[in-house]
Each structure stands twice: as structure tokens, then as C-alpha cells.
Amino acid sequence: MKDKLYLFNSFGMLVLYLVVIALNFYFRFADYEKGSCRIGMKKESMIPLIAFDILVNVSWNVGNSKYPLMTTGLSDLFVSHTSAL
């Protein structure tokens, strides 16, 4: 809990997630017309939801795949070395 970057990222994602949840509750709809029911969310809440999902997936995949390689020195294994013949 002493690392400022960890705290910033954790609480930053938490705040964004709470905003997305609030938008989903505010822009939901349920229509009942002519014997059929439609339940869903308006695009005002879907666009931030999809953007947040993409942000989380990209940041987790990039962070989890590159950071451990850089810190352990394993990145040298994946660099192609060419030698003169």
C-alpha cells in the first residue's frame, strides 16, 4: 500500500468502474408494448462500458505480458540476435 502508482491505478480503476455502474443504472430502460417486453441499456451507458472493458483488457494483457519479462531479464531470450557469417 506504499506504492503510489499501485494506489493510483487501483483507485483510478475503481472510480471509473463506479462511474460506469452509475451510468448503467441511470440509462437503463424497460418497455412493455403490445405484449412484448424490451429490457436494455441506452448507448449513453454502453459506449463507456465497452470502452472501460477494452481499457481493462488491454492494460492487463500488456502489463502482465511485458512487465515480468522486463523485470526478470527474460526479455533477452525473445530478442533475435543476428551474427555475421
Protein backbone atom coordinates (compact mmCIF):
# COMPACT_ATOMS: atom_id res chain seq x y z
CA MET A 1 0.00 0.00 0.00
CA LYS A 2 3.03 2.30 -0.03
CA ASP A 3 3.46 2.32 -3.80
CA LYS A 4 1.80 5.44 -5.22
CA LEU A 5 1.46 4.01 -8.73
CA TYR A 6 -0.35 0.94 -7.35
CA LEU A 7 -2.74 3.11 -5.37
CA PHE A 8 -3.37 5.43 -8.30
CA ASN A 9 -4.12 2.57 -10.67
CA SER A 10 -6.28 0.68 -8.17
CA PHE A 11 -8.42 3.61 -7.10
CA GLY A 12 -8.46 5.06 -10.62
CA MET A 13 -9.94 1.85 -12.00
CA LEU A 14 -12.34 1.60 -9.07
CA VAL A 15 -13.63 5.14 -9.63
CA LEU A 16 -14.06 4.53 -13.37
CA TYR A 17 -15.90 1.30 -12.65
CA LEU A 18 -18.26 3.04 -10.23
CA VAL A 19 -18.99 5.71 -12.85
CA VAL A 20 -19.79 3.01 -15.42
CA ILE A 21 -22.11 1.28 -12.93
CA ALA A 22 -23.91 4.55 -12.21
CA LEU A 23 -24.36 5.20 -15.94
CA ASN A 24 -25.77 1.72 -16.44
CA PHE A 25 -28.39 2.27 -13.75
CA TYR A 26 -29.27 5.76 -14.98
CA PHE A 27 -29.62 4.90 -18.70
CA ARG A 28 -31.39 1.56 -18.44
CA PHE A 29 -34.82 1.04 -19.95
CA ALA A 30 -37.67 -1.43 -19.89
CA ASP A 31 -40.52 -1.07 -22.39
CA TYR A 32 -43.64 -3.15 -22.48
CA GLU A 33 -45.64 -2.61 -25.68
CA LYS A 34 -48.13 -4.81 -27.49
CA GLY A 35 -47.39 -7.89 -25.46
CA SER A 36 -43.58 -7.76 -25.82
CA CYS A 37 -41.00 -6.59 -23.33
CA ARG A 38 -37.68 -4.93 -24.18
CA ILE A 39 -35.06 -4.62 -21.47
CA GLY A 40 -31.70 -3.00 -22.09
CA MET A 41 -29.36 -0.04 -21.85
CA LYS A 42 -29.09 3.07 -23.98
CA LYS A 43 -25.94 3.81 -25.94
CA GLU A 44 -25.01 6.55 -23.45
CA SER A 45 -24.15 3.80 -21.00
CA MET A 46 -22.98 1.13 -23.44
CA ILE A 47 -20.17 3.17 -25.02
CA PRO A 48 -18.41 3.88 -21.68
CA LEU A 49 -18.96 0.25 -20.63
CA ILE A 50 -17.32 -1.13 -23.78
CA ALA A 51 -14.52 1.46 -23.62
CA PHE A 52 -13.81 0.56 -19.98
CA ASP A 53 -13.79 -3.15 -20.84
CA ILE A 54 -11.29 -2.57 -23.66
CA LEU A 55 -9.12 -0.39 -21.40
CA VAL A 56 -9.01 -3.01 -18.65
CA ASN A 57 -8.31 -5.92 -21.02
CA VAL A 58 -5.56 -4.11 -22.92
CA SER A 59 -3.87 -2.79 -19.79
CA TRP A 60 -3.95 -6.18 -18.07
CA ASN A 61 -2.70 -8.07 -21.11
CA VAL A 62 0.10 -5.63 -21.90
CA GLY A 63 1.10 -5.24 -18.26
CA ASN A 64 1.01 -8.93 -17.46
CA SER A 65 2.90 -10.00 -20.56
CA LYS A 66 5.70 -7.43 -20.78
CA TYR A 67 6.42 -6.26 -17.25
CA PRO A 68 7.51 -9.65 -15.83
CA LEU A 69 9.83 -10.17 -18.78
CA MET A 70 11.48 -6.80 -18.27
CA THR A 71 11.98 -7.22 -14.53
CA THR A 72 13.39 -10.76 -14.62
CA GLY A 73 15.74 -10.30 -17.55
CA LEU A 74 13.89 -12.87 -19.67
CA SER A 75 13.32 -10.29 -22.40
CA ASP A 76 16.79 -11.12 -23.77
CA LEU A 77 15.52 -14.58 -24.70
CA PHE A 78 12.97 -13.12 -27.09
CA VAL A 79 15.30 -10.70 -28.87
CA SER A 80 16.65 -12.11 -32.10
CA HIS A 81 20.39 -11.80 -32.43
CA THR A 82 21.96 -11.84 -35.85
CA SER A 83 25.52 -12.91 -36.36
CA ALA A 84 27.83 -12.24 -39.27
CA LEU A 85 28.67 -15.26 -41.36
